[in-house]
Structure formats: structure tokens, C-alpha cells
Amino acid sequence: MEIKACRLCPRECGANRSKGLGACGGGSFVKVAKAALHQWEEPCISGSNGSGTVFFSGCPLRCCFCQNYQLSAQNFGKEITTQRLADIFLELQDQGAHNINLVNPTHYVPWIIEALGIVKHRLHLPVVYNSGGYERCETLRMLDGLVDIYLPDLKFAESDRSKRYAGAPDYFDVATSAILEMYRQVGKIAFDQDGLLKKGLIIRHLVLPKGRFDSVAVLTWIAQNLPKEKILLSLMSQFTPFYRCAEFPEINRRISTFEYNHVLSKAQELGLKGYMQEKSSAKEEYTPLFDLSGV
């Protein structure tokens, strides 16, 4: 596929991806690091069999604490055709996946749309768009009617923090606009008879060290701008200092019980519903190994 002036993500780098790589690391072929059943998503996504997860290589963000940095920053993965991507979707369905979970898909949206078109009469699972929240609304609109479940992060409210830790001072404005577009597309959460999510929006927020006030600002925005009874919050305590955290001493540790409980209490006070991790969830087992399995 030829993209001669890429504007898919908010970086709008204008790269000619038929001749080189964009700021995200994406070229002219889809690049995938792993495709497998994944048990560590929210219970309504993973269910009993697992989520049919496809991890895409590269990333528009530059998070210094990324647990998947091998693929996001180091661009680990294998280039595949759009037909192969479509086949992977069907293989995951045959393995019993509850959904097709597209992880970090932003910079490959046109390829994903083409692959979904190839299998549209054979794929009978909800499609999950699982991203860092740093999205252009124009790109998301290309997916209207194709994505059933949006699973974005809302990482930061303060621009100084998003600039320092993710290289994106515009993160909050961009991500909140994107989340409103996601909700416009999928609307109210809906479950099947087994308690698995069929449609809707889950917003993830990872509490960071020395970030409790920023986290409260994130949760306050959610409560004030979205119908609390129609979305889910996934509040995560699993921060583990990975990748480049040693360069940022203030976050080169796990969060304290005090920090997490402060944010958890605010979520409860605001009436937000969903999934609230136990403080003990900060374990490296949440970090998948990338070995090109299933690709």
C-alpha cells in the first residue's frame, strides 16, 4: 500500500512510506510482533479463552516507561501482507478468541481496513481497537462501523508530563478529542450472555509515580465529559519501571499504596465504574514476550 505523505497519527510527519519509515516506524507493509490468545486484558475482553491479540510494531508515542518498548520503540516485528493479516484474524477466531484485539494499530489503519474487508463475511468476532489514545479523529472516522470496542489509554492531563514522558505535549487535547469520537462511534457498553463486551468504550489509566494529581485530573475529565453509566474505566496499578525510566529518577520506581489509593478513592467518589486493579498487580508477568509467534 502506498502512503506518500502520511498523516495517520497526530505527528503528521508527512513521510513517504513507500520509500521509507514514518516517525512511528511504519513503512509500506504491516509489521507485526506477535499474534496470540492473550489472557491479561480486562475480564470482559479476555474472558475464559483469551483475546485474539495482534501486536503491531512501531508507535506514534515515545513513552519512556513503555512495557512493550521492544516493538514500540525498537520496532521489533515481521513485515506481512494484508492478506496474511486477514488470515491471522481468522486463525485467532478458529483458536477460540473472544475478539480480535488490535494493539497499537494507529499507523496501520488503512491496512487493517483492507484486511477486515477481506474477511468481513467470515469474521464473527467483535473488533477491539487498543491504543495509547494519541489519535487523529480523521483517522478514527475511517474506522466508523468497523470497530466494536475502543480501548484507549488516557495517560496524562498535564502537558509538561506528557512532553517529558511521551514526547507529546499536545497529548491531552488530542486524546480527549479522540475519545469523544470513539464514544460517538460505539456508544453505550453492551455485553453478551457470558459477560463479554460486545460493544463500547473502556478507558484505561495507568497511575504513575508522583502522578496522583494528574491522575485525578484525568478521572475528573472523564466524569465530566462522558456518561458514567455508559462507559467503563480501567484503573491500573501495574506500573513497573521499564525501558528508559532510569533517565527519569522521579518515576524510576513502582507506585506507592498511598498514591494508588488516593486515585482509587477519587474514581469511587466520581462514580466511575469498571475495573480497579489491586495494588499487588505491578508484576512483570503483564509484559508479553515478543517472539513472532502466530505471525
Protein backbone atom coordinates (compact mmCIF):
# COMPACT_ATOMS: atom_id res chain seq x y z
CA MET A 1 0.00 0.00 0.00
CA GLU A 2 1.32 3.44 -0.90
CA ILE A 3 1.09 6.34 1.53
CA LYS A 4 3.16 9.16 0.11
CA ALA A 5 2.51 11.83 2.74
CA CYS A 6 1.46 10.14 5.96
CA ARG A 7 -0.96 11.97 8.24
CA LEU A 8 -2.43 8.95 10.03
CA CYS A 9 -1.27 9.90 13.54
CA PRO A 10 -1.07 13.29 15.30
CA ARG A 11 2.61 13.60 14.42
CA GLU A 12 1.52 14.22 10.80
CA CYS A 13 5.11 13.61 9.73
CA GLY A 14 4.29 13.55 6.02
CA ALA A 15 6.55 10.57 5.34
CA ASN A 16 6.50 8.80 2.00
CA ARG A 17 6.07 5.34 3.46
CA SER A 18 6.54 3.63 0.11
CA LYS A 19 10.18 4.75 0.26
CA GLY A 20 10.96 4.91 3.96
CA LEU A 21 9.62 4.91 7.51
CA GLY A 22 7.35 7.39 9.22
CA ALA A 23 8.00 8.89 12.64
CA CYS A 24 6.12 5.89 14.05
CA GLY A 25 8.46 3.38 12.39
CA GLY A 26 5.83 2.22 9.92
CA GLY A 27 6.65 1.56 6.29
CA SER A 28 4.70 0.27 3.31
CA PHE A 29 3.90 -3.16 4.81
CA VAL A 30 2.13 -4.05 8.04
CA LYS A 31 4.64 -5.05 10.70
CA VAL A 32 3.50 -7.37 13.49
CA ALA A 33 5.40 -8.61 16.56
CA LYS A 34 3.00 -11.23 17.89
CA ALA A 35 -0.45 -12.69 17.31
CA ALA A 36 -1.87 -14.93 20.03
CA LEU A 37 -4.59 -15.50 22.59
CA HIS A 38 -3.98 -13.08 25.46
CA GLN A 39 -5.30 -13.57 29.00
CA TRP A 40 -4.20 -10.32 30.64
CA GLU A 41 -6.76 -7.85 29.34
CA GLU A 42 -9.83 -6.75 31.30
CA PRO A 43 -12.07 -9.72 32.20
CA CYS A 44 -14.79 -8.69 29.75
CA ILE A 45 -12.19 -8.70 26.95
CA SER A 46 -10.11 -11.78 27.82
CA GLY A 47 -12.95 -13.96 29.06
CA SER A 48 -12.10 -17.63 29.54
CA ASN A 49 -10.42 -18.30 26.18
CA GLY A 50 -8.42 -15.12 25.74
CA SER A 51 -8.44 -12.11 23.48
CA GLY A 52 -7.19 -12.62 19.91
CA THR A 53 -4.41 -10.08 20.18
CA VAL A 54 -2.35 -8.71 17.30
CA PHE A 55 0.61 -6.57 18.44
CA PHE A 56 1.67 -4.07 15.77
CA SER A 57 5.25 -2.78 15.63
CA GLY A 58 6.20 0.89 15.95
CA CYS A 59 4.28 3.64 17.73
CA PRO A 60 3.32 7.32 17.38
CA LEU A 61 4.17 7.87 21.07
CA ARG A 62 7.57 7.74 22.78
CA CYS A 63 6.70 6.70 26.31
CA CYS A 64 9.83 6.28 28.40
CA PHE A 65 8.08 3.65 30.54
CA CYS A 66 6.59 1.52 27.74
CA GLN A 67 6.35 -2.13 28.77
CA ASN A 68 6.26 -3.10 25.07
CA TYR A 69 9.27 -0.98 24.11
CA GLN A 70 10.84 -3.76 22.04
CA LEU A 71 8.09 -3.36 19.48
CA SER A 72 7.03 0.27 20.03
CA ALA A 73 10.45 1.94 20.18
CA GLN A 74 12.74 -0.73 18.73
CA ASN A 75 10.24 -1.67 16.00
CA PHE A 76 10.65 -5.41 16.52
CA GLY A 77 8.42 -7.43 14.26
CA LYS A 78 7.91 -9.03 10.87
CA GLU A 79 6.52 -7.40 7.75
CA ILE A 80 3.48 -9.22 6.39
CA THR A 81 0.96 -8.74 3.60
CA THR A 82 -2.56 -7.50 4.18
CA GLN A 83 -3.79 -10.94 3.13
CA ARG A 84 -1.65 -12.52 5.85
CA LEU A 85 -3.12 -10.10 8.40
CA ALA A 86 -6.62 -11.14 7.31
CA ASP A 87 -5.64 -14.80 7.67
CA ILE A 88 -4.34 -14.13 11.19
CA PHE A 89 -7.74 -12.73 12.17
CA LEU A 90 -9.42 -15.94 11.03
CA GLU A 91 -6.80 -18.14 12.70
CA LEU A 92 -7.37 -16.39 16.03
CA GLN A 93 -11.11 -16.87 15.59
CA ASP A 94 -10.55 -20.58 14.94
CA GLN A 95 -8.45 -20.80 18.13
CA GLY A 96 -11.46 -19.64 20.16
CA ALA A 97 -10.62 -15.97 20.65
CA HIS A 98 -13.43 -13.87 22.07
CA ASN A 99 -12.49 -10.87 19.90
CA ILE A 100 -9.84 -9.50 17.56
CA ASN A 101 -7.71 -7.13 19.62
CA LEU A 102 -5.64 -4.67 17.56
CA VAL A 103 -2.85 -3.38 19.83
CA ASN A 104 -1.17 -0.13 18.81
CA PRO A 105 -2.83 -0.07 15.39
CA THR A 106 -2.91 3.68 14.63
CA HIS A 107 -0.24 3.81 11.95
CA TYR A 108 -1.63 0.78 10.09
CA VAL A 109 -5.30 1.75 9.89
CA PRO A 110 -5.62 1.59 6.05
CA TRP A 111 -4.08 -1.90 6.02
CA ILE A 112 -6.36 -3.03 8.83
CA ILE A 113 -9.43 -1.74 6.98
CA GLU A 114 -8.35 -3.68 3.89
CA ALA A 115 -7.78 -6.86 5.91
CA LEU A 116 -11.16 -6.59 7.63
CA GLY A 117 -12.74 -6.16 4.21
CA ILE A 118 -11.17 -9.41 3.03
CA VAL A 119 -12.71 -11.40 5.93
CA LYS A 120 -15.92 -9.44 6.51
CA HIS A 121 -18.22 -12.38 5.70
CA ARG A 122 -16.19 -14.89 7.74
CA LEU A 123 -15.12 -12.95 10.82
CA HIS A 124 -17.82 -13.02 13.50
CA LEU A 125 -15.99 -11.52 16.46
CA PRO A 126 -16.00 -8.00 17.92
CA VAL A 127 -13.05 -5.89 16.81
CA VAL A 128 -11.16 -4.12 19.60
CA TYR A 129 -9.06 -1.02 18.87
CA ASN A 130 -6.48 -0.92 21.66
CA SER A 131 -4.33 2.20 21.58
CA GLY A 132 -2.39 4.78 23.57
CA GLY A 133 -5.15 7.30 22.89
CA TYR A 134 -2.94 9.52 20.72
CA GLU A 135 -5.17 9.51 17.65
CA ARG A 136 -6.34 11.81 14.87
CA CYS A 137 -10.13 11.98 14.70
CA GLU A 138 -9.85 11.95 10.90
CA THR A 139 -8.16 8.54 11.06
CA LEU A 140 -10.68 7.20 13.58
CA ARG A 141 -13.54 8.19 11.29
CA MET A 142 -12.13 5.82 8.69
CA LEU A 143 -12.98 3.02 11.15
CA ASP A 144 -16.57 4.03 11.83
CA GLY A 145 -18.69 0.87 11.66
CA LEU A 146 -15.67 -1.46 11.67
CA VAL A 147 -14.60 -1.21 15.33
CA ASP A 148 -16.92 -2.53 18.03
CA ILE A 149 -14.88 -1.80 21.14
CA TYR A 150 -12.47 1.07 21.73
CA LEU A 151 -9.86 0.50 24.43
CA PRO A 152 -7.76 3.69 24.62
CA ASP A 153 -5.41 4.95 27.28
CA LEU A 154 -5.84 8.39 28.73
CA LYS A 155 -2.33 8.71 30.10
CA PHE A 156 -1.81 12.33 31.10
CA ALA A 157 -3.63 15.60 31.69
CA GLU A 158 -0.61 17.89 32.19
CA SER A 159 1.27 18.82 29.01
CA ASP A 160 4.61 19.06 30.85
CA ARG A 161 4.29 15.43 31.90
CA SER A 162 3.18 14.17 28.51
CA LYS A 163 6.04 16.05 26.86
CA ARG A 164 8.62 14.74 29.33
CA TYR A 165 7.49 11.12 29.43
CA ALA A 166 5.94 10.59 25.97
CA GLY A 167 7.32 13.32 23.72
CA ALA A 168 3.81 14.66 23.12
CA PRO A 169 2.96 18.00 24.76
CA ASP A 170 -0.40 18.01 22.94
CA TYR A 171 -1.37 14.58 24.28
CA PHE A 172 -4.33 15.55 26.46
CA ASP A 173 -6.10 17.72 23.90
CA VAL A 174 -5.54 15.15 21.15
CA ALA A 175 -6.51 12.12 23.24
CA THR A 176 -9.65 13.64 24.75
CA SER A 177 -10.91 14.66 21.31
CA ALA A 178 -10.18 11.15 20.06
CA ILE A 179 -12.00 9.52 22.97
CA LEU A 180 -15.10 11.62 22.33
CA GLU A 181 -15.01 10.45 18.70
CA MET A 182 -14.62 6.84 19.84
CA TYR A 183 -17.66 7.15 22.06
CA ARG A 184 -19.65 8.74 19.23
CA GLN A 185 -18.96 5.68 17.13
CA VAL A 186 -19.65 2.84 19.57
CA GLY A 187 -21.98 4.35 22.17
CA LYS A 188 -23.15 2.59 25.29
CA ILE A 189 -21.39 -0.55 26.57
CA ALA A 190 -23.16 -3.82 25.72
CA PHE A 191 -22.38 -7.33 26.96
CA ASP A 192 -23.33 -10.79 25.75
CA GLN A 193 -24.90 -13.51 27.90
CA ASP A 194 -21.46 -14.59 29.14
CA GLY A 195 -20.48 -11.14 30.35
CA LEU A 196 -18.12 -10.45 27.44
CA LEU A 197 -18.11 -6.98 25.99
CA LYS A 198 -19.70 -6.78 22.54
CA LYS A 199 -19.59 -3.04 22.07
CA GLY A 200 -18.49 0.09 23.87
CA LEU A 201 -15.66 2.14 25.32
CA ILE A 202 -13.19 1.24 28.08
CA ILE A 203 -10.76 3.98 29.06
CA ARG A 204 -7.54 2.83 30.64
CA HIS A 205 -5.48 4.93 33.01
CA LEU A 206 -2.16 3.83 34.48
CA VAL A 207 -1.24 5.59 37.71
CA LEU A 208 2.37 6.81 37.59
CA PRO A 209 4.76 7.64 40.43
CA LYS A 210 4.35 11.26 41.55
CA GLY A 211 1.33 11.44 39.24
CA ARG A 212 -1.65 11.25 41.57
CA PHE A 213 -2.83 14.82 40.94
CA ASP A 214 -2.50 14.34 37.20
CA SER A 215 -4.48 11.11 37.52
CA VAL A 216 -7.23 12.93 39.40
CA ALA A 217 -7.40 15.47 36.57
CA VAL A 218 -7.76 12.63 34.04
CA LEU A 219 -10.56 10.99 36.02
CA THR A 220 -12.34 14.30 36.53
CA TRP A 221 -12.33 14.94 32.78
CA ILE A 222 -13.85 11.50 32.14
CA ALA A 223 -16.58 12.04 34.73
CA GLN A 224 -17.45 15.49 33.39
CA ASN A 225 -17.41 14.69 29.67
CA LEU A 226 -18.76 11.17 29.25
CA PRO A 227 -21.89 9.42 30.58
CA LYS A 228 -20.54 7.42 33.51
CA GLU A 229 -23.18 4.70 33.24
CA LYS A 230 -22.38 4.05 29.56
CA ILE A 231 -18.60 3.59 29.64
CA LEU A 232 -16.05 1.68 31.71
CA LEU A 233 -12.87 2.82 33.44
CA SER A 234 -9.89 0.51 33.80
CA LEU A 235 -7.70 1.94 36.55
CA MET A 236 -4.30 0.26 36.62
CA SER A 237 -1.69 -0.01 39.36
CA GLN A 238 0.74 -2.18 37.41
CA PHE A 239 3.36 0.50 36.63
CA THR A 240 6.79 -1.11 36.53
CA PRO A 241 9.91 0.93 35.67
CA PHE A 242 10.87 -0.36 32.22
CA TYR A 243 12.84 0.87 29.26
CA ARG A 244 14.20 4.42 29.88
CA CYS A 245 12.79 5.03 33.36
CA ALA A 246 16.29 5.21 34.84
CA GLU A 247 16.68 8.51 32.97
CA PHE A 248 13.76 9.93 34.96
CA PRO A 249 14.54 9.28 38.65
CA GLU A 250 11.19 10.58 39.86
CA ILE A 251 9.34 7.69 38.17
CA ASN A 252 12.03 5.03 38.41
CA ARG A 253 10.05 3.08 41.00
CA ARG A 254 6.68 1.45 41.47
CA ILE A 255 3.80 3.49 42.77
CA SER A 256 3.12 3.59 46.49
CA THR A 257 -0.03 2.30 48.13
CA PHE A 258 -0.80 5.88 49.18
CA GLU A 259 -0.56 7.14 45.59
CA TYR A 260 -2.79 4.45 44.20
CA ASN A 261 -5.37 4.63 46.98
CA HIS A 262 -5.60 8.41 46.52
CA VAL A 263 -6.52 7.93 42.86
CA LEU A 264 -8.78 4.95 43.54
CA SER A 265 -10.73 6.95 46.11
CA LYS A 266 -11.25 9.75 43.60
CA ALA A 267 -12.54 7.30 40.99
CA GLN A 268 -15.06 5.99 43.51
CA GLU A 269 -16.02 9.49 44.61
CA LEU A 270 -16.68 10.45 40.98
CA GLY A 271 -18.88 7.40 40.50
CA LEU A 272 -16.75 5.85 37.77
CA LYS A 273 -17.36 2.14 37.21
CA GLY A 274 -15.24 -0.58 35.70
CA TYR A 275 -12.07 -2.39 36.68
CA MET A 276 -9.80 -1.28 39.50
CA GLN A 277 -6.60 -3.28 39.83
CA GLU A 278 -5.28 -4.46 43.14
CA LYS A 279 -2.11 -2.67 44.19
CA SER A 280 -0.27 -6.02 44.03
CA SER A 281 -0.76 -6.16 40.24
CA ALA A 282 2.59 -4.50 39.47
CA LYS A 283 4.24 -7.62 38.12
CA GLU A 284 6.34 -8.27 35.06
CA GLU A 285 4.03 -11.13 34.04
CA TYR A 286 1.79 -8.49 32.48
CA THR A 287 4.52 -7.87 29.92
CA PRO A 288 4.23 -10.24 26.94
CA LEU A 289 7.26 -11.79 25.27
CA PHE A 290 7.61 -10.90 21.61
CA ASP A 291 8.82 -13.84 19.55
CA LEU A 292 6.83 -13.52 16.29
CA SER A 293 4.55 -16.38 17.39
CA GLY A 294 1.38 -16.56 15.32
CA VAL A 295 2.81 -14.24 12.65
